[in-house]
Amino acid sequence: MERPVVLLGHTGKMGMALQWVLAQRSPVLGISSSGFNAADPEDVERLLRQHRPEVVVNAVAYVGVEQCEQEPALAQRINTLFPYQLARLSREIGFVLIHLSGSTVFTDLAEGAWTEEHCPAPINIYGVTKLGGDALVAQYAPQHYIFRLPILFGPSARPSQFVEKMLALSASGTPLLRIAQDVYYSPSYTRDLALAIRTIYQTGQPWGLYHLANDGMVSLYDLLKEFDKHLHLAAKIEPVMQKEIDPTGVRPVRIPLASVKRPPLRPWYEAVADYCQWIQSQ
């Protein structure tokens, strides 16, 4: 019997894209937080020993800078210790571990973009706990891929992240969206990233750490203006400085990603155009 791909967190934004892409080639068993408790080691071990997967994709994370600052112990459990357990089980059961991480393991960069060769330096609990997970997966999982991803846009079950949240606010009648013009990312389309992840795994690329992002960088303000160009949002978009929105200073403002291991994906604005076309088709 063919061993399955177990996709943990398949109802999240990146999980949905991976489910769509991976299921085209392999049987995929998607399991969400309603099917297991990532903070319960016994439940996690029971689940994986029961299914004995060939590949485990970890798209589970305790996300959000503010939430992690408020609940650091839970952030550590989900973002650091859970990947550690998956890494140990990957050795014992014999599966490939694909672990998703993010650009929040870095601090601000004056110019250029963060690559796999740079040393991380997180400035908040979210980034610290994600970096801990990366390090433990790299140390304990013999066959692993760690994919650091930037801010995402793409089909989502709920508008819980920046782009979809702003689109939902505009659609609900919010008249004004105040968006940071001094926060720069490499925004990326979840389906582009999922296709790249599948290609790297299925073509047998070397184990290890990869950065994946659509090419280029842009401010959050200009990113939303690009969506406005295609979707003609009802809300007015106003540029502001990040400190006017978030005075805590625990959120990095310039963390674009690039790779020295892989050719760049298509430009972010081409991916935005495709996503907007998908939105309009729904």
Protein backbone atom coordinates (compact mmCIF):
# COMPACT_ATOMS: atom_id res chain seq x y z
CA MET A 1 0.00 0.00 0.00
CA GLU A 2 1.33 3.44 -0.94
CA ARG A 3 2.27 5.49 2.09
CA PRO A 4 0.46 8.84 2.15
CA VAL A 5 1.58 12.43 2.29
CA VAL A 6 0.28 13.77 5.60
CA LEU A 7 -0.39 17.50 5.39
CA LEU A 8 -0.74 19.05 8.83
CA GLY A 9 -2.63 22.34 8.76
CA HIS A 10 -4.33 21.79 5.40
CA THR A 11 -7.08 24.35 6.03
CA GLY A 12 -4.69 27.28 6.44
CA LYS A 13 -3.77 29.53 3.54
CA MET A 14 -0.53 27.76 2.67
CA GLY A 15 -2.03 24.41 3.57
CA MET A 16 -4.85 24.90 1.07
CA ALA A 17 -2.39 25.65 -1.71
CA LEU A 18 -0.27 22.61 -0.86
CA GLN A 19 -3.34 20.38 -0.76
CA TRP A 20 -4.31 21.61 -4.23
CA VAL A 21 -0.81 21.06 -5.67
CA LEU A 22 0.30 17.86 -3.94
CA ALA A 23 -2.97 16.00 -4.52
CA GLN A 24 -2.34 16.24 -8.27
CA ARG A 25 0.53 13.75 -7.93
CA SER A 26 0.12 11.80 -4.67
CA PRO A 27 -2.53 10.72 -2.17
CA VAL A 28 -2.71 13.45 0.46
CA LEU A 29 -4.20 13.11 3.93
CA GLY A 30 -5.01 16.61 5.16
CA ILE A 31 -5.37 17.00 8.93
CA SER A 32 -6.37 20.27 10.60
CA SER A 33 -6.28 21.37 14.23
CA SER A 34 -9.67 19.74 14.72
CA GLY A 35 -8.07 16.36 13.96
CA PHE A 36 -5.13 16.51 16.37
CA ASN A 37 -3.52 18.69 19.03
CA ALA A 38 -0.10 19.96 17.98
CA ALA A 39 0.60 20.94 21.60
CA ASP A 40 0.04 17.33 22.80
CA PRO A 41 3.09 15.13 22.06
CA GLU A 42 1.18 11.90 22.69
CA ASP A 43 -1.56 12.86 20.25
CA VAL A 44 0.99 13.80 17.57
CA GLU A 45 2.89 10.53 17.96
CA ARG A 46 -0.31 8.48 17.88
CA LEU A 47 -1.40 10.18 14.68
CA LEU A 48 1.85 9.65 12.79
CA ARG A 49 2.45 6.09 13.94
CA GLN A 50 -1.10 5.26 12.86
CA HIS A 51 -0.67 6.58 9.30
CA ARG A 52 3.09 5.90 8.83
CA PRO A 53 3.44 8.57 6.12
CA GLU A 54 6.10 8.81 3.44
CA VAL A 55 6.11 12.60 3.76
CA VAL A 56 4.86 14.94 6.48
CA VAL A 57 4.28 18.57 5.55
CA ASN A 58 4.10 20.88 8.55
CA ALA A 59 1.97 23.92 7.69
CA VAL A 60 0.97 24.42 11.34
CA ALA A 61 2.10 27.54 13.17
CA TYR A 62 1.03 29.80 15.98
CA VAL A 63 1.03 33.00 13.97
CA GLY A 64 0.74 36.69 14.70
CA VAL A 65 3.29 38.93 16.36
CA GLU A 66 0.87 40.22 18.98
CA GLN A 67 -0.54 36.79 19.85
CA CYS A 68 2.93 35.32 20.34
CA GLU A 69 3.99 38.23 22.57
CA GLN A 70 0.92 37.61 24.73
CA GLU A 71 1.28 33.80 24.86
CA PRO A 72 4.99 32.98 24.51
CA ALA A 73 4.71 29.52 26.08
CA LEU A 74 2.06 28.44 23.58
CA ALA A 75 4.07 29.97 20.72
CA GLN A 76 7.09 27.93 21.82
CA ARG A 77 5.03 24.75 22.05
CA ILE A 78 3.58 25.08 18.55
CA ASN A 79 6.40 26.80 16.66
CA THR A 80 9.45 25.19 18.30
CA LEU A 81 8.68 22.01 20.24
CA PHE A 82 6.11 20.62 17.80
CA PRO A 83 8.56 20.76 14.85
CA TYR A 84 11.16 19.18 17.15
CA GLN A 85 8.82 16.26 17.80
CA LEU A 86 8.10 15.88 14.09
CA ALA A 87 11.85 15.84 13.43
CA ARG A 88 12.44 13.07 15.98
CA LEU A 89 9.53 11.03 14.63
CA SER A 90 10.78 11.47 11.08
CA ARG A 91 13.95 9.64 12.14
CA GLU A 92 12.07 6.90 14.01
CA ILE A 93 9.29 6.27 11.47
CA GLY A 94 11.29 7.11 8.36
CA PHE A 95 9.46 9.95 6.62
CA VAL A 96 10.57 13.10 4.82
CA LEU A 97 9.75 16.24 6.81
CA ILE A 98 8.78 19.40 4.92
CA HIS A 99 8.65 22.25 7.40
CA LEU A 100 7.35 25.75 6.63
CA SER A 101 8.97 28.75 8.27
CA GLY A 102 9.00 32.46 7.55
CA SER A 103 10.87 35.70 7.03
CA THR A 104 10.14 36.78 10.62
CA VAL A 105 13.33 34.99 11.73
CA PHE A 106 15.16 38.08 10.37
CA THR A 107 15.42 41.69 11.43
CA ASP A 108 15.48 44.75 9.17
CA LEU A 109 17.90 44.75 6.23
CA ALA A 110 19.17 48.06 4.90
CA GLU A 111 19.50 46.90 1.29
CA GLY A 112 19.15 43.74 -0.77
CA ALA A 113 17.24 40.71 0.49
CA TRP A 114 17.76 37.99 3.07
CA THR A 115 19.05 34.71 1.56
CA GLU A 116 19.83 31.25 2.89
CA GLU A 117 23.40 32.40 3.57
CA HIS A 118 22.41 35.11 6.06
CA CYS A 119 22.31 34.58 9.81
CA PRO A 120 18.83 35.09 11.31
CA ALA A 121 18.26 37.64 14.06
CA PRO A 122 14.60 37.75 15.14
CA ILE A 123 13.31 40.68 17.17
CA ASN A 124 10.07 39.22 18.55
CA ILE A 125 8.71 36.04 20.16
CA TYR A 126 7.15 34.87 16.92
CA GLY A 127 10.48 35.03 15.09
CA VAL A 128 12.42 33.46 17.98
CA THR A 129 10.06 30.49 18.21
CA LYS A 130 10.04 29.95 14.44
CA LEU A 131 13.85 30.04 14.35
CA GLY A 132 13.94 27.48 17.15
CA GLY A 133 11.77 25.15 15.07
CA ASP A 134 14.03 25.61 12.05
CA ALA A 135 17.14 24.75 14.04
CA LEU A 136 15.65 21.63 15.61
CA VAL A 137 14.32 20.30 12.31
CA ALA A 138 17.73 20.84 10.72
CA GLN A 139 19.45 19.03 13.62
CA TYR A 140 17.14 16.04 14.15
CA ALA A 141 15.37 15.21 10.86
CA PRO A 142 17.67 13.22 8.54
CA GLN A 143 15.55 13.94 5.45
CA HIS A 144 14.14 17.43 5.64
CA TYR A 145 13.30 20.58 3.74
CA ILE A 146 12.83 23.89 5.55
CA PHE A 147 11.09 26.50 3.43
CA ARG A 148 11.16 30.09 4.65
CA LEU A 149 8.24 31.98 3.12
CA PRO A 150 7.34 35.70 3.12
CA ILE A 151 4.00 37.45 3.59
CA LEU A 152 1.40 35.45 1.66
CA PHE A 153 -1.62 36.07 -0.51
CA GLY A 154 -3.89 33.45 -2.01
CA PRO A 155 -7.18 31.59 -1.57
CA SER A 156 -8.06 31.36 2.10
CA ALA A 157 -10.82 29.90 4.22
CA ARG A 158 -10.91 33.05 6.35
CA PRO A 159 -9.50 36.58 6.01
CA SER A 160 -6.95 36.29 8.82
CA GLN A 161 -3.83 37.68 7.10
CA PHE A 162 -2.96 41.06 5.65
CA VAL A 163 -4.16 40.99 2.02
CA GLU A 164 -7.35 39.03 2.56
CA LYS A 165 -8.12 41.00 5.73
CA MET A 166 -7.85 44.30 3.85
CA LEU A 167 -9.96 43.00 0.96
CA ALA A 168 -12.61 41.83 3.41
CA LEU A 169 -12.64 45.17 5.22
CA SER A 170 -13.11 47.01 1.94
CA ALA A 171 -15.92 44.66 0.89
CA SER A 172 -17.66 45.09 4.26
CA GLY A 173 -17.90 48.86 3.83
CA THR A 174 -14.87 50.14 5.72
CA PRO A 175 -14.31 53.53 4.06
CA LEU A 176 -10.59 54.02 4.79
CA LEU A 177 -7.64 51.62 5.01
CA ARG A 178 -4.48 53.11 6.56
CA ILE A 179 -1.55 51.05 5.28
CA ALA A 180 2.15 51.26 6.13
CA GLN A 181 4.25 52.73 3.34
CA ASP A 182 7.57 51.98 5.07
CA VAL A 183 7.12 48.20 5.59
CA TYR A 184 8.71 46.15 2.79
CA TYR A 185 8.25 42.46 2.05
CA SER A 186 8.47 40.05 -0.87
CA PRO A 187 4.73 39.24 -1.07
CA SER A 188 4.10 35.86 -2.65
CA TYR A 189 1.26 33.81 -4.10
CA THR A 190 0.62 30.62 -2.17
CA ARG A 191 0.05 28.58 -5.33
CA ASP A 192 3.40 29.64 -6.79
CA LEU A 193 5.12 28.64 -3.57
CA ALA A 194 3.29 25.30 -3.37
CA LEU A 195 4.32 24.44 -6.93
CA ALA A 196 7.94 25.29 -6.12
CA ILE A 197 7.86 23.13 -2.98
CA ARG A 198 6.50 20.17 -4.93
CA THR A 199 9.14 20.59 -7.64
CA ILE A 200 12.01 20.75 -5.14
CA TYR A 201 10.82 17.60 -3.36
CA GLN A 202 9.85 15.55 -6.40
CA THR A 203 13.02 16.33 -8.36
CA GLY A 204 15.16 15.25 -5.42
CA GLN A 205 16.85 18.55 -4.67
CA PRO A 206 19.35 18.44 -1.78
CA TRP A 207 17.93 18.40 1.72
CA GLY A 208 18.14 21.60 3.70
CA LEU A 209 16.98 25.20 3.88
CA TYR A 210 15.40 27.11 0.99
CA HIS A 211 13.96 30.60 0.69
CA LEU A 212 10.95 30.84 -1.61
CA ALA A 213 9.32 34.08 -2.70
CA ASN A 214 7.95 35.81 -5.74
CA ASP A 215 10.62 38.07 -7.19
CA GLY A 216 10.97 41.64 -5.96
CA MET A 217 9.86 43.62 -2.93
CA VAL A 218 7.21 46.22 -2.28
CA SER A 219 5.71 48.20 0.57
CA LEU A 220 2.43 47.05 2.07
CA TYR A 221 0.84 50.27 0.80
CA ASP A 222 1.95 49.70 -2.80
CA LEU A 223 0.99 46.05 -2.57
CA LEU A 224 -2.58 46.94 -1.67
CA LYS A 225 -2.63 49.62 -4.37
CA GLU A 226 -1.72 46.90 -6.86
CA PHE A 227 -4.75 44.90 -5.72
CA ASP A 228 -6.83 48.06 -6.00
CA LYS A 229 -5.68 48.47 -9.61
CA HIS A 230 -7.16 45.08 -10.51
CA LEU A 231 -10.14 44.87 -8.14
CA HIS A 232 -11.21 48.54 -7.81
CA LEU A 233 -11.65 48.43 -4.05
CA ALA A 234 -14.44 50.45 -2.47
CA ALA A 235 -12.25 51.68 0.38
CA LYS A 236 -9.82 54.57 0.10
CA ILE A 237 -6.20 53.56 0.78
CA GLU A 238 -4.11 56.01 2.77
CA PRO A 239 -0.31 55.69 3.28
CA VAL A 240 0.98 56.02 6.83
CA MET A 241 4.15 55.16 8.74
CA GLN A 242 4.26 51.84 10.56
CA LYS A 243 4.78 53.49 13.96
CA GLU A 244 1.37 55.16 13.56
CA ILE A 245 -0.24 51.72 13.33
CA ASP A 246 2.00 49.69 15.63
CA PRO A 247 4.04 51.77 18.10
CA THR A 248 5.41 48.70 19.92
CA GLY A 249 8.39 48.34 17.56
CA VAL A 250 8.41 44.53 17.76
CA ARG A 251 7.65 44.05 14.08
CA PRO A 252 10.45 44.24 11.46
CA VAL A 253 9.77 46.65 8.60
CA ARG A 254 12.13 45.50 5.85
CA ILE A 255 12.54 41.73 5.44
CA PRO A 256 12.44 40.81 1.72
CA LEU A 257 13.49 37.25 0.84
CA ALA A 258 15.58 35.87 -2.01
CA SER A 259 17.36 32.59 -2.73
CA VAL A 260 20.91 31.72 -3.73
CA LYS A 261 19.85 28.10 -4.30
CA ARG A 262 16.93 28.52 -6.70
CA PRO A 263 16.05 30.76 -9.66
CA PRO A 264 13.60 33.50 -8.63
CA LEU A 265 9.90 32.87 -9.02
CA ARG A 266 7.92 35.21 -11.26
CA PRO A 267 7.56 38.85 -10.14
CA TRP A 268 5.13 39.51 -7.31
CA TYR A 269 2.93 41.82 -9.42
CA GLU A 270 2.35 39.10 -12.05
CA ALA A 271 1.27 36.77 -9.25
CA VAL A 272 -1.07 39.47 -7.87
CA ALA A 273 -2.69 39.80 -11.31
CA ASP A 274 -3.32 36.03 -11.44
CA TYR A 275 -4.76 35.97 -7.93
CA CYS A 276 -7.05 38.90 -8.71
CA GLN A 277 -8.26 37.07 -11.81
CA TRP A 278 -9.03 34.05 -9.61
CA ILE A 279 -10.92 36.27 -7.13
CA GLN A 280 -13.02 37.77 -9.94
CA SER A 281 -13.88 34.29 -11.24
CA GLN A 282 -15.40 33.19 -7.95
